[in-house]
C-alpha atoms as a PDB file:
ATOM      1  CA  UNK A   1       0.000   0.000   0.000  1.00  0.00           C
ATOM      2  CA  UNK A   2       2.729   2.447   0.937  1.00  0.00           C
ATOM      3  CA  UNK A   3       4.527   1.920  -2.364  1.00  0.00           C
ATOM      4  CA  UNK A   4       1.652   3.611  -4.173  1.00  0.00           C
ATOM      5  CA  UNK A   5       1.309   6.407  -1.640  1.00  0.00           C
ATOM      6  CA  UNK A   6       4.874   7.591  -1.321  1.00  0.00           C
ATOM      7  CA  UNK A   7       5.423   8.551  -4.991  1.00  0.00           C
ATOM      8  CA  UNK A   8       2.092  10.334  -4.985  1.00  0.00           C
ATOM      9  CA  UNK A   9       2.982  12.396  -1.944  1.00  0.00           C
ATOM     10  CA  UNK A  10       6.406  13.158  -3.353  1.00  0.00           C
ATOM     11  CA  UNK A  11       4.846  14.417  -6.558  1.00  0.00           C
ATOM     12  CA  UNK A  12       2.361  16.577  -4.702  1.00  0.00           C
ATOM     13  CA  UNK A  13       5.080  18.012  -2.490  1.00  0.00           C
ATOM     14  CA  UNK A  14       7.100  18.860  -5.569  1.00  0.00           C
ATOM     15  CA  UNK A  15       4.120  20.711  -6.989  1.00  0.00           C
ATOM     16  CA  UNK A  16       4.231  23.067  -4.028  1.00  0.00           C
ATOM     17  CA  UNK A  17       7.296  24.724  -5.526  1.00  0.00           C
ATOM     18  CA  UNK A  18       5.833  25.073  -9.010  1.00  0.00           C
ATOM     19  CA  UNK A  19       3.233  27.800  -8.667  1.00  0.00           C
ATOM     20  CA  UNK A  20       2.585  29.763 -11.813  1.00  0.00           C
ATOM     21  CA  UNK A  21       4.742  32.545 -10.456  1.00  0.00           C
ATOM     22  CA  UNK A  22       7.254  30.101  -8.923  1.00  0.00           C
ATOM     23  CA  UNK A  23       6.640  31.644  -5.500  1.00  0.00           C
ATOM     24  CA  UNK A  24       7.717  30.305  -2.143  1.00  0.00           C
ATOM     25  CA  UNK A  25       4.999  30.072   0.515  1.00  0.00           C
ATOM     26  CA  UNK A  26       4.701  33.130   2.759  1.00  0.00           C
ATOM     27  CA  UNK A  27       4.753  32.842   6.554  1.00  0.00           C
ATOM     28  CA  UNK A  28       3.014  34.783   9.339  1.00  0.00           C
ATOM     29  CA  UNK A  29       0.114  35.938   7.143  1.00  0.00           C
ATOM     30  CA  UNK A  30      -3.050  37.067   8.924  1.00  0.00           C
ATOM     31  CA  UNK A  31      -5.053  38.359   5.956  1.00  0.00           C
ATOM     32  CA  UNK A  32      -4.918  37.672   2.241  1.00  0.00           C
ATOM     33  CA  UNK A  33      -7.088  38.788  -0.654  1.00  0.00           C
ATOM     34  CA  UNK A  34      -7.438  38.171  -4.363  1.00  0.00           C
ATOM     35  CA  UNK A  35      -8.922  40.236  -7.154  1.00  0.00           C
ATOM     36  CA  UNK A  36      -9.297  37.424  -9.657  1.00  0.00           C
ATOM     37  CA  UNK A  37      -7.114  35.837 -12.291  1.00  0.00           C
ATOM     38  CA  UNK A  38      -5.586  37.990 -14.994  1.00  0.00           C
ATOM     39  CA  UNK A  39      -4.943  37.709 -18.708  1.00  0.00           C
ATOM     40  CA  UNK A  40      -1.884  38.876 -20.606  1.00  0.00           C
ATOM     41  CA  UNK A  41      -0.128  41.706 -18.774  1.00  0.00           C
ATOM     42  CA  UNK A  42       0.283  43.600 -22.058  1.00  0.00           C
ATOM     43  CA  UNK A  43      -3.509  43.915 -22.289  1.00  0.00           C
ATOM     44  CA  UNK A  44      -3.733  45.942 -19.078  1.00  0.00           C
ATOM     45  CA  UNK A  45      -2.723  49.605 -19.002  1.00  0.00           C
ATOM     46  CA  UNK A  46      -0.354  50.959 -16.343  1.00  0.00           C
ATOM     47  CA  UNK A  47      -3.190  53.184 -15.153  1.00  0.00           C
ATOM     48  CA  UNK A  48      -5.467  50.225 -14.502  1.00  0.00           C
ATOM     49  CA  UNK A  49      -2.715  48.281 -12.792  1.00  0.00           C
ATOM     50  CA  UNK A  50      -2.156  51.247 -10.515  1.00  0.00           C
ATOM     51  CA  UNK A  51      -5.870  51.434  -9.712  1.00  0.00           C
ATOM     52  CA  UNK A  52      -6.012  47.711  -8.951  1.00  0.00           C
ATOM     53  CA  UNK A  53      -3.020  47.914  -6.622  1.00  0.00           C
ATOM     54  CA  UNK A  54      -4.460  50.971  -4.889  1.00  0.00           C
ATOM     55  CA  UNK A  55      -7.805  49.341  -4.156  1.00  0.00           C
ATOM     56  CA  UNK A  56      -6.250  46.060  -3.076  1.00  0.00           C
ATOM     57  CA  UNK A  57      -4.051  47.925  -0.597  1.00  0.00           C
ATOM     58  CA  UNK A  58      -7.158  49.733   0.666  1.00  0.00           C
ATOM     59  CA  UNK A  59      -8.875  46.387   1.160  1.00  0.00           C
ATOM     60  CA  UNK A  60      -5.904  44.935   3.023  1.00  0.00           C
ATOM     61  CA  UNK A  61      -5.664  47.984   5.280  1.00  0.00           C
ATOM     62  CA  UNK A  62      -9.380  47.887   6.085  1.00  0.00           C
ATOM     63  CA  UNK A  63      -9.372  44.172   6.827  1.00  0.00           C
ATOM     64  CA  UNK A  64      -6.225  44.363   8.942  1.00  0.00           C
ATOM     65  CA  UNK A  65      -7.791  47.195  10.896  1.00  0.00           C
ATOM     66  CA  UNK A  66     -10.537  44.797  11.979  1.00  0.00           C
ATOM     67  CA  UNK A  67      -7.999  42.226  13.139  1.00  0.00           C
ATOM     68  CA  UNK A  68      -6.172  44.845  15.197  1.00  0.00           C
ATOM     69  CA  UNK A  69      -9.266  45.768  17.206  1.00  0.00           C
ATOM     70  CA  UNK A  70      -9.625  44.232  20.680  1.00  0.00           C
ATOM     71  CA  UNK A  71     -11.097  40.792  20.065  1.00  0.00           C
ATOM     72  CA  UNK A  72     -10.767  41.308  16.308  1.00  0.00           C
ATOM     73  CA  UNK A  73     -12.439  38.520  14.339  1.00  0.00           C
ATOM     74  CA  UNK A  74     -11.369  36.837  11.126  1.00  0.00           C
ATOM     75  CA  UNK A  75     -14.967  37.038   9.881  1.00  0.00           C
ATOM     76  CA  UNK A  76     -15.010  40.823  10.259  1.00  0.00           C
ATOM     77  CA  UNK A  77     -11.691  41.141   8.440  1.00  0.00           C
ATOM     78  CA  UNK A  78     -12.912  39.014   5.528  1.00  0.00           C
ATOM     79  CA  UNK A  79     -16.214  40.849   5.160  1.00  0.00           C
ATOM     80  CA  UNK A  80     -14.619  44.292   5.458  1.00  0.00           C
ATOM     81  CA  UNK A  81     -11.861  43.580   2.940  1.00  0.00           C
ATOM     82  CA  UNK A  82     -14.301  42.161   0.402  1.00  0.00           C
ATOM     83  CA  UNK A  83     -16.684  45.100   0.800  1.00  0.00           C
ATOM     84  CA  UNK A  84     -13.857  47.423  -0.285  1.00  0.00           C
ATOM     85  CA  UNK A  85     -13.259  45.282  -3.388  1.00  0.00           C
ATOM     86  CA  UNK A  86     -16.999  45.094  -4.129  1.00  0.00           C
ATOM     87  CA  UNK A  87     -17.174  48.897  -4.048  1.00  0.00           C
ATOM     88  CA  UNK A  88     -14.364  49.224  -6.589  1.00  0.00           C
ATOM     89  CA  UNK A  89     -15.137  49.209 -10.335  1.00  0.00           C
ATOM     90  CA  UNK A  90     -11.796  47.486 -10.970  1.00  0.00           C
ATOM     91  CA  UNK A  91     -13.014  43.993 -10.092  1.00  0.00           C
ATOM     92  CA  UNK A  92     -15.739  41.644 -11.257  1.00  0.00           C
ATOM     93  CA  UNK A  93     -17.757  41.894  -8.054  1.00  0.00           C
ATOM     94  CA  UNK A  94     -20.220  44.476  -6.815  1.00  0.00           C
ATOM     95  CA  UNK A  95     -19.739  47.786  -8.614  1.00  0.00           C
ATOM     96  CA  UNK A  96     -17.507  46.350 -11.339  1.00  0.00           C
ATOM     97  CA  UNK A  97     -19.568  43.245 -12.127  1.00  0.00           C
ATOM     98  CA  UNK A  98     -19.790  41.925 -15.686  1.00  0.00           C
ATOM     99  CA  UNK A  99     -23.022  41.559 -17.672  1.00  0.00           C
ATOM    100  CA  UNK A 100     -25.059  38.455 -18.361  1.00  0.00           C
ATOM    101  CA  UNK A 101     -26.232  37.525 -21.857  1.00  0.00           C
ATOM    102  CA  UNK A 102     -29.407  39.468 -21.120  1.00  0.00           C
ATOM    103  CA  UNK A 103     -27.467  42.604 -20.216  1.00  0.00           C
ATOM    104  CA  UNK A 104     -27.893  42.388 -16.453  1.00  0.00           C
ATOM    105  CA  UNK A 105     -25.545  42.315 -13.478  1.00  0.00           C
ATOM    106  CA  UNK A 106     -26.136  39.251 -11.279  1.00  0.00           C
ATOM    107  CA  UNK A 107     -24.024  38.866  -8.165  1.00  0.00           C
ATOM    108  CA  UNK A 108     -23.006  35.887  -6.011  1.00  0.00           C
ATOM    109  CA  UNK A 109     -21.145  35.683  -2.699  1.00  0.00           C
ATOM    110  CA  UNK A 110     -20.422  33.392   0.225  1.00  0.00           C
ATOM    111  CA  UNK A 111     -18.677  33.508   3.588  1.00  0.00           C
ATOM    112  CA  UNK A 112     -17.627  30.775   6.022  1.00  0.00           C
ATOM    113  CA  UNK A 113     -16.583  30.691   9.664  1.00  0.00           C
ATOM    114  CA  UNK A 114     -13.762  28.222  10.275  1.00  0.00           C
ATOM    115  CA  UNK A 115     -14.527  28.022  14.002  1.00  0.00           C
ATOM    116  CA  UNK A 116     -18.145  26.904  13.767  1.00  0.00           C
ATOM    117  CA  UNK A 117     -18.372  25.546  10.236  1.00  0.00           C
ATOM    118  CA  UNK A 118     -21.301  27.865   9.608  1.00  0.00           C
ATOM    119  CA  UNK A 119     -21.649  29.469   6.192  1.00  0.00           C
ATOM    120  CA  UNK A 120     -23.943  31.791   4.279  1.00  0.00           C
ATOM    121  CA  UNK A 121     -24.359  32.665   0.624  1.00  0.00           C
ATOM    122  CA  UNK A 122     -26.475  34.554  -1.884  1.00  0.00           C
ATOM    123  CA  UNK A 123     -26.725  34.024  -5.627  1.00  0.00           C
ATOM    124  CA  UNK A 124     -28.199  35.829  -8.632  1.00  0.00           C
ATOM    125  CA  UNK A 125     -28.937  39.039  -6.740  1.00  0.00           C
ATOM    126  CA  UNK A 126     -29.246  42.364  -8.536  1.00  0.00           C
ATOM    127  CA  UNK A 127     -29.985  45.104  -5.983  1.00  0.00           C
ATOM    128  CA  UNK A 128     -27.821  44.297  -2.929  1.00  0.00           C
ATOM    129  CA  UNK A 129     -24.892  46.728  -2.806  1.00  0.00           C
ATOM    130  CA  UNK A 130     -22.589  44.382  -0.900  1.00  0.00           C
ATOM    131  CA  UNK A 131     -23.448  40.714  -1.482  1.00  0.00           C
ATOM    132  CA  UNK A 132     -20.769  39.558   0.981  1.00  0.00           C
ATOM    133  CA  UNK A 133     -22.673  41.252   3.808  1.00  0.00           C
ATOM    134  CA  UNK A 134     -25.877  39.585   2.644  1.00  0.00           C
ATOM    135  CA  UNK A 135     -24.084  36.230   2.712  1.00  0.00           C
ATOM    136  CA  UNK A 136     -23.014  36.846   6.299  1.00  0.00           C
ATOM    137  CA  UNK A 137     -26.554  37.849   7.236  1.00  0.00           C
ATOM    138  CA  UNK A 138     -27.846  34.563   5.792  1.00  0.00           C
ATOM    139  CA  UNK A 139     -25.302  32.719   7.930  1.00  0.00           C
ATOM    140  CA  UNK A 140     -26.088  34.551  11.152  1.00  0.00           C
ATOM    141  CA  UNK A 141     -29.800  35.334  10.853  1.00  0.00           C
ATOM    142  CA  UNK A 142     -31.354  32.316   9.118  1.00  0.00           C
ATOM    143  CA  UNK A 143     -31.256  28.547   9.394  1.00  0.00           C
ATOM    144  CA  UNK A 144     -30.207  28.309   5.741  1.00  0.00           C
ATOM    145  CA  UNK A 145     -26.926  28.495   3.851  1.00  0.00           C
ATOM    146  CA  UNK A 146     -27.872  29.765   0.400  1.00  0.00           C
ATOM    147  CA  UNK A 147     -30.609  32.179  -0.689  1.00  0.00           C
ATOM    148  CA  UNK A 148     -31.100  33.132  -4.338  1.00  0.00           C
ATOM    149  CA  UNK A 149     -32.664  35.840  -6.458  1.00  0.00           C
ATOM    150  CA  UNK A 150     -35.614  37.838  -5.222  1.00  0.00           C
ATOM    151  CA  UNK A 151     -35.882  35.854  -2.004  1.00  0.00           C
ATOM    152  CA  UNK A 152     -32.314  36.781  -1.077  1.00  0.00           C
ATOM    153  CA  UNK A 153     -32.985  40.422  -1.935  1.00  0.00           C
ATOM    154  CA  UNK A 154     -36.132  40.647   0.203  1.00  0.00           C
ATOM    155  CA  UNK A 155     -34.279  39.036   3.096  1.00  0.00           C
ATOM    156  CA  UNK A 156     -31.336  41.438   2.741  1.00  0.00           C
ATOM    157  CA  UNK A 157     -33.656  44.429   2.741  1.00  0.00           C
ATOM    158  CA  UNK A 158     -35.435  43.177   5.848  1.00  0.00           C
ATOM    159  CA  UNK A 159     -32.035  42.627   7.480  1.00  0.00           C
ATOM    160  CA  UNK A 160     -31.260  46.318   7.003  1.00  0.00           C
ATOM    161  CA  UNK A 161     -28.598  45.993   4.321  1.00  0.00           C
ATOM    162  CA  UNK A 162     -28.074  48.734   1.759  1.00  0.00           C
ATOM    163  CA  UNK A 163     -30.051  48.239  -1.447  1.00  0.00           C
ATOM    164  CA  UNK A 164     -29.346  50.017  -4.731  1.00  0.00           C
ATOM    165  CA  UNK A 165     -30.886  50.483  -8.149  1.00  0.00           C
ATOM    166  CA  UNK A 166     -29.493  47.906 -10.615  1.00  0.00           C
ATOM    167  CA  UNK A 167     -27.987  50.827 -12.547  1.00  0.00           C
ATOM    168  CA  UNK A 168     -25.492  51.241  -9.694  1.00  0.00           C
ATOM    169  CA  UNK A 169     -23.539  48.254 -11.001  1.00  0.00           C
ATOM    170  CA  UNK A 170     -23.320  49.553 -14.587  1.00  0.00           C
ATOM    171  CA  UNK A 171     -19.841  50.573 -15.763  1.00  0.00           C
ATOM    172  CA  UNK A 172     -18.767  51.732 -19.209  1.00  0.00           C
ATOM    173  CA  UNK A 173     -15.897  49.244 -19.431  1.00  0.00           C
ATOM    174  CA  UNK A 174     -18.061  46.217 -18.679  1.00  0.00           C
ATOM    175  CA  UNK A 175     -20.791  47.451 -21.024  1.00  0.00           C
ATOM    176  CA  UNK A 176     -18.302  47.687 -23.868  1.00  0.00           C
ATOM    177  CA  UNK A 177     -17.124  44.150 -23.112  1.00  0.00           C
ATOM    178  CA  UNK A 178     -20.588  42.611 -23.406  1.00  0.00           C
ATOM    179  CA  UNK A 179     -21.350  44.592 -26.553  1.00  0.00           C
ATOM    180  CA  UNK A 180     -18.257  43.119 -28.196  1.00  0.00           C
ATOM    181  CA  UNK A 181     -19.416  39.630 -27.264  1.00  0.00           C
ATOM    182  CA  UNK A 182     -22.894  40.288 -28.647  1.00  0.00           C
ATOM    183  CA  UNK A 183     -21.351  41.564 -31.886  1.00  0.00           C
ATOM    184  CA  UNK A 184     -19.189  38.465 -32.161  1.00  0.00           C
ATOM    185  CA  UNK A 185     -22.219  36.222 -31.723  1.00  0.00           C
ATOM    186  CA  UNK A 186     -24.143  38.152 -34.379  1.00  0.00           C
ATOM    187  CA  UNK A 187     -21.276  37.745 -36.830  1.00  0.00           C
ATOM    188  CA  UNK A 188     -21.096  34.017 -36.121  1.00  0.00           C
ATOM    189  CA  UNK A 189     -24.822  33.607 -36.685  1.00  0.00           C
ATOM    190  CA  UNK A 190     -24.617  35.554 -39.920  1.00  0.00           C
ATOM    191  CA  UNK A 191     -21.700  33.468 -41.139  1.00  0.00           C
ATOM    192  CA  UNK A 192     -23.006  30.061 -40.173  1.00  0.00           C
ATOM    193  CA  UNK A 193     -26.523  29.178 -39.049  1.00  0.00           C
ATOM    194  CA  UNK A 194     -25.113  26.172 -37.189  1.00  0.00           C
ATOM    195  CA  UNK A 195     -23.512  28.541 -34.720  1.00  0.00           C
ATOM    196  CA  UNK A 196     -26.789  29.942 -33.438  1.00  0.00           C
ATOM    197  CA  UNK A 197     -26.339  27.874 -30.285  1.00  0.00           C
ATOM    198  CA  UNK A 198     -23.570  30.300 -29.325  1.00  0.00           C
ATOM    199  CA  UNK A 199     -26.303  32.737 -28.356  1.00  0.00           C
ATOM    200  CA  UNK A 200     -26.750  31.047 -25.009  1.00  0.00           C
ATOM    201  CA  UNK A 201     -23.130  30.086 -24.448  1.00  0.00           C
ATOM    202  CA  UNK A 202     -21.012  32.073 -21.979  1.00  0.00           C
ATOM    203  CA  UNK A 203     -17.563  33.179 -23.062  1.00  0.00           C
ATOM    204  CA  UNK A 204     -15.053  31.350 -20.888  1.00  0.00           C
ATOM    205  CA  UNK A 205     -11.811  32.722 -22.290  1.00  0.00           C
ATOM    206  CA  UNK A 206     -10.007  35.601 -20.629  1.00  0.00           C
ATOM    207  CA  UNK A 207      -9.575  36.854 -17.054  1.00  0.00           C
ATOM    208  CA  UNK A 208     -12.001  36.513 -14.173  1.00  0.00           C
ATOM    209  CA  UNK A 209     -12.160  39.322 -11.638  1.00  0.00           C
ATOM    210  CA  UNK A 210     -13.824  37.453  -8.781  1.00  0.00           C
ATOM    211  CA  UNK A 211     -12.670  38.749  -5.385  1.00  0.00           C
ATOM    212  CA  UNK A 212     -12.028  36.938  -2.137  1.00  0.00           C
ATOM    213  CA  UNK A 213     -10.380  37.061   1.263  1.00  0.00           C
ATOM    214  CA  UNK A 214      -9.066  34.691   3.925  1.00  0.00           C
ATOM    215  CA  UNK A 215      -8.085  35.645   7.461  1.00  0.00           C
ATOM    216  CA  UNK A 216      -6.617  34.294  10.697  1.00  0.00           C
ATOM    217  CA  UNK A 217      -7.310  36.125  13.942  1.00  0.00           C
ATOM    218  CA  UNK A 218      -5.431  36.133  17.244  1.00  0.00           C
ATOM    219  CA  UNK A 219      -7.700  33.446  18.655  1.00  0.00           C
ATOM    220  CA  UNK A 220      -6.612  31.094  15.865  1.00  0.00           C
ATOM    221  CA  UNK A 221      -9.910  31.274  14.005  1.00  0.00           C
ATOM    222  CA  UNK A 222     -10.022  31.160  10.221  1.00  0.00           C
ATOM    223  CA  UNK A 223     -12.594  32.641   7.846  1.00  0.00           C
ATOM    224  CA  UNK A 224     -13.022  32.882   4.093  1.00  0.00           C
ATOM    225  CA  UNK A 225     -15.228  34.784   1.693  1.00  0.00           C
ATOM    226  CA  UNK A 226     -15.732  35.082  -2.068  1.00  0.00           C
ATOM    227  CA  UNK A 227     -17.768  37.516  -4.181  1.00  0.00           C
ATOM    228  CA  UNK A 228     -18.302  37.750  -7.938  1.00  0.00           C
ATOM    229  CA  UNK A 229     -20.329  38.935 -10.887  1.00  0.00           C
ATOM    230  CA  UNK A 230     -19.877  35.537 -12.541  1.00  0.00           C
ATOM    231  CA  UNK A 231     -18.649  35.057 -16.102  1.00  0.00           C
ATOM    232  CA  UNK A 232     -19.326  37.494 -18.907  1.00  0.00           C
ATOM    233  CA  UNK A 233     -22.247  36.666 -21.180  1.00  0.00           C
ATOM    234  CA  UNK A 234     -23.415  33.849 -18.906  1.00  0.00           C
ATOM    235  CA  UNK A 235     -26.778  32.340 -19.737  1.00  0.00           C
ATOM    236  CA  UNK A 236     -29.839  33.050 -17.640  1.00  0.00           C
ATOM    237  CA  UNK A 237     -29.867  31.123 -14.365  1.00  0.00           C
ATOM    238  CA  UNK A 238     -26.179  30.209 -14.375  1.00  0.00           C
ATOM    239  CA  UNK A 239     -24.530  30.104 -10.949  1.00  0.00           C
ATOM    240  CA  UNK A 240     -20.827  29.467 -10.515  1.00  0.00           C
ATOM    241  CA  UNK A 241     -18.667  28.324  -7.633  1.00  0.00           C
ATOM    242  CA  UNK A 242     -18.389  31.535  -5.614  1.00  0.00           C
ATOM    243  CA  UNK A 243     -21.582  31.032  -3.549  1.00  0.00           C
ATOM    244  CA  UNK A 244     -21.059  27.282  -3.206  1.00  0.00           C
ATOM    245  CA  UNK A 245     -19.356  26.250   0.020  1.00  0.00           C
ATOM    246  CA  UNK A 246     -16.585  23.752  -0.678  1.00  0.00           C
ATOM    247  CA  UNK A 247     -16.204  24.809  -4.292  1.00  0.00           C
ATOM    248  CA  UNK A 248     -15.148  28.458  -4.405  1.00  0.00           C
ATOM    249  CA  UNK A 249     -14.942  29.008  -0.680  1.00  0.00           C
ATOM    250  CA  UNK A 250     -14.099  27.024   2.463  1.00  0.00           C
ATOM    251  CA  UNK A 251     -12.774  27.558   5.989  1.00  0.00           C
ATOM    252  CA  UNK A 252     -12.026  25.108   8.787  1.00  0.00           C
ATOM    253  CA  UNK A 253      -9.985  25.751  11.905  1.00  0.00           C
ATOM    254  CA  UNK A 254      -7.013  23.434  12.105  1.00  0.00           C
ATOM    255  CA  UNK A 255      -6.907  23.096   8.329  1.00  0.00           C
ATOM    256  CA  UNK A 256      -7.195  26.155   6.116  1.00  0.00           C
ATOM    257  CA  UNK A 257      -9.262  28.976   4.653  1.00  0.00           C
ATOM    258  CA  UNK A 258      -9.581  29.082   0.862  1.00  0.00           C
ATOM    259  CA  UNK A 259     -11.073  31.451  -1.710  1.00  0.00           C
ATOM    260  CA  UNK A 260     -10.960  30.672  -5.410  1.00  0.00           C
ATOM    261  CA  UNK A 261     -11.236  32.427  -8.740  1.00  0.00           C
ATOM    262  CA  UNK A 262     -11.474  31.065 -12.263  1.00  0.00           C
ATOM    263  CA  UNK A 263     -13.783  28.842 -14.274  1.00  0.00           C
ATOM    264  CA  UNK A 264     -16.415  28.050 -11.702  1.00  0.00           C
ATOM    265  CA  UNK A 265     -17.685  24.907 -13.371  1.00  0.00           C
ATOM    266  CA  UNK A 266     -14.347  23.207 -12.696  1.00  0.00           C
ATOM    267  CA  UNK A 267     -14.196  24.409  -9.097  1.00  0.00           C
ATOM    268  CA  UNK A 268     -17.679  22.964  -8.558  1.00  0.00           C
ATOM    269  CA  UNK A 269     -16.935  19.636 -10.227  1.00  0.00           C
ATOM    270  CA  UNK A 270     -13.749  19.103  -8.243  1.00  0.00           C
ATOM    271  CA  UNK A 271     -15.010  20.686  -4.980  1.00  0.00           C
ATOM    272  CA  UNK A 272     -11.751  22.579  -5.192  1.00  0.00           C
ATOM    273  CA  UNK A 273     -11.719  24.601  -1.987  1.00  0.00           C
ATOM    274  CA  UNK A 274     -12.671  21.697   0.250  1.00  0.00           C
ATOM    275  CA  UNK A 275     -10.311  19.349  -1.569  1.00  0.00           C
ATOM    276  CA  UNK A 276      -7.398  21.496  -0.438  1.00  0.00           C
ATOM    277  CA  UNK A 277      -8.536  21.185   3.182  1.00  0.00           C
ATOM    278  CA  UNK A 278      -9.087  17.441   2.759  1.00  0.00           C
ATOM    279  CA  UNK A 279      -5.564  16.903   1.447  1.00  0.00           C
ATOM    280  CA  UNK A 280      -4.232  18.737   4.475  1.00  0.00           C
ATOM    281  CA  UNK A 281      -6.365  16.760   6.941  1.00  0.00           C
ATOM    282  CA  UNK A 282      -6.146  13.278   5.499  1.00  0.00           C
ATOM    283  CA  UNK A 283      -2.722  13.283   3.843  1.00  0.00           C
ATOM    284  CA  UNK A 284      -1.060  15.782   6.180  1.00  0.00           C
ATOM    285  CA  UNK A 285       0.091  17.924   3.275  1.00  0.00           C
ATOM    286  CA  UNK A 286       1.219  21.499   3.941  1.00  0.00           C
ATOM    287  CA  UNK A 287      -1.091  24.172   2.566  1.00  0.00           C
ATOM    288  CA  UNK A 288       1.190  25.044  -0.348  1.00  0.00           C
ATOM    289  CA  UNK A 289       1.366  21.415  -1.520  1.00  0.00           C
ATOM    290  CA  UNK A 290      -2.366  20.844  -1.167  1.00  0.00           C
ATOM    291  CA  UNK A 291      -3.282  24.030  -3.013  1.00  0.00           C
ATOM    292  CA  UNK A 292      -0.753  23.389  -5.768  1.00  0.00           C
ATOM    293  CA  UNK A 293      -2.040  19.843  -6.243  1.00  0.00           C
ATOM    294  CA  UNK A 294      -5.615  21.004  -6.788  1.00  0.00           C
ATOM    295  CA  UNK A 295      -4.879  24.014  -9.014  1.00  0.00           C
ATOM    296  CA  UNK A 296      -1.785  22.939 -10.918  1.00  0.00           C
ATOM    297  CA  UNK A 297      -2.563  19.252 -11.286  1.00  0.00           C
ATOM    298  CA  UNK A 298      -6.254  18.404 -10.983  1.00  0.00           C
ATOM    299  CA  UNK A 299      -7.852  21.512 -12.455  1.00  0.00           C
ATOM    300  CA  UNK A 300      -5.181  22.164 -15.056  1.00  0.00           C
ATOM    301  CA  UNK A 301      -5.191  18.561 -16.278  1.00  0.00           C
ATOM    302  CA  UNK A 302      -8.958  18.766 -16.730  1.00  0.00           C
ATOM    303  CA  UNK A 303      -8.645  22.047 -18.646  1.00  0.00           C
ATOM    304  CA  UNK A 304      -9.811  24.330 -15.838  1.00  0.00           C
ATOM    305  CA  UNK A 305      -8.206  27.737 -15.427  1.00  0.00           C
ATOM    306  CA  UNK A 306      -7.988  29.570 -12.117  1.00  0.00           C
ATOM    307  CA  UNK A 307      -6.263  29.998  -8.804  1.00  0.00           C
ATOM    308  CA  UNK A 308      -6.775  30.200  -5.056  1.00  0.00           C
ATOM    309  CA  UNK A 309      -5.545  31.969  -1.986  1.00  0.00           C
ATOM    310  CA  UNK A 310      -5.107  29.521   0.884  1.00  0.00           C
ATOM    311  CA  UNK A 311      -4.134  30.233   4.491  1.00  0.00           C
ATOM    312  CA  UNK A 312      -3.548  27.649   7.199  1.00  0.00           C
ATOM    313  CA  UNK A 313      -4.003  27.920  10.967  1.00  0.00           C
ATOM    314  CA  UNK A 314      -0.330  28.765  11.478  1.00  0.00           C
ATOM    315  CA  UNK A 315      -0.288  31.694   9.067  1.00  0.00           C
ATOM    316  CA  UNK A 316       1.283  29.865   6.129  1.00  0.00           C
ATOM    317  CA  UNK A 317      -0.051  31.302   2.885  1.00  0.00           C
ATOM    318  CA  UNK A 318      -0.046  30.002  -0.691  1.00  0.00           C
ATOM    319  CA  UNK A 319      -1.537  31.386  -3.903  1.00  0.00           C
ATOM    320  CA  UNK A 320      -1.059  28.997  -6.855  1.00  0.00           C
ATOM    321  CA  UNK A 321      -2.649  29.855 -10.206  1.00  0.00           C
ATOM    322  CA  UNK A 322      -2.448  28.365 -13.698  1.00  0.00           C
ATOM    323  CA  UNK A 323      -3.238  31.553 -15.630  1.00  0.00           C
ATOM    324  CA  UNK A 324      -0.938  34.384 -16.790  1.00  0.00           C
ATOM    325  CA  UNK A 325      -1.544  36.193 -13.524  1.00  0.00           C
ATOM    326  CA  UNK A 326      -3.666  36.448 -10.403  1.00  0.00           C
ATOM    327  CA  UNK A 327      -4.239  39.636  -8.456  1.00  0.00           C
ATOM    328  CA  UNK A 328      -3.344  38.803  -4.861  1.00  0.00           C
ATOM    329  CA  UNK A 329      -2.121  40.487  -1.735  1.00  0.00           C
ATOM    330  CA  UNK A 330      -1.470  39.757   1.907  1.00  0.00           C
ATOM    331  CA  UNK A 331      -0.743  41.328   5.273  1.00  0.00           C
ATOM    332  CA  UNK A 332       1.597  39.755   7.798  1.00  0.00           C
ATOM    333  CA  UNK A 333       1.182  39.854  11.543  1.00  0.00           C
ATOM    334  CA  UNK A 334       3.347  42.952  11.849  1.00  0.00           C
ATOM    335  CA  UNK A 335       1.100  44.897   9.464  1.00  0.00           C
ATOM    336  CA  UNK A 336       3.299  44.766   6.375  1.00  0.00           C
ATOM    337  CA  UNK A 337       1.292  44.583   3.143  1.00  0.00           C
ATOM    338  CA  UNK A 338       2.206  43.318  -0.300  1.00  0.00           C
ATOM    339  CA  UNK A 339       0.246  43.185  -3.556  1.00  0.00           C
ATOM    340  CA  UNK A 340       1.226  41.146  -6.622  1.00  0.00           C
ATOM    341  CA  UNK A 341      -0.542  41.004  -9.963  1.00  0.00           C
ATOM    342  CA  UNK A 342       1.563  38.704 -12.114  1.00  0.00           C
ATOM    343  CA  UNK A 343       4.850  36.929 -11.372  1.00  0.00           C
ATOM    344  CA  UNK A 344       6.170  40.368 -10.312  1.00  0.00           C
END
């Protein structure tokens, strides 16, 4: 039996050193965030890179501020950091969300408490300013885990959360993106009637701007959260991994907190976030090896693009990705912050 296990573990351990950016794991991290995977660096202007870095640093500072309060909680740090990213038009979450095939902004989010195993999520909401706060309200104020659509919106309103007109989420950049996709579909239909099925097919190529955060507080509690606008041009009713506990989000004290970004269908199929925790619990792999195994071996072999931020109970942090880049940042226990977009 051991002859089959040892080579497997050796291979997985080796993967820990082969992140897309060839990064070593970082120690003493208390808060980490991501702003989604990124396409070719040449396609992003220096101005936009500067804006992304600025808002990620703002998110890290806000989240760390929660951890520094007396009795600061990982849950508060995660929610606060993600709210900053949701309010920024630079990411595919909240204000900067992409458009569906029908020209709407539909938002998903989830949050999980590593201490209790409780979780909350919302999906396909259109008028909740900060879906991550709605997800936390579901966790703390209902007996459910996931609320969708109008039901989630009514609940959020009754819970006192800020509601907005759907126009709040409209941005010129995202509108131009969906128009280009509509034009491409029209050209395909005009050129070949057999391609009419493309009308309902989401475009899966390119970057995903999903945001997320993981945190570790002074009491040793972990938490994780993820928020997104989904994939551009998605068909009506599509829900990805971000609001699904175990797929795009997971936290468990003693193991790790994980938030993912990428092609949600793959994260759902492989239960990616939980799989990282399972590898740590049942094979005693370090967080960097477990995360690398899932992202760089399982997902990549299957054709799935994406990445994760993963933080264990000792403050060890890893962020493997199999795309050209992944916007990520972290704060160490002494308050030092760092943001990376590509291999940097």
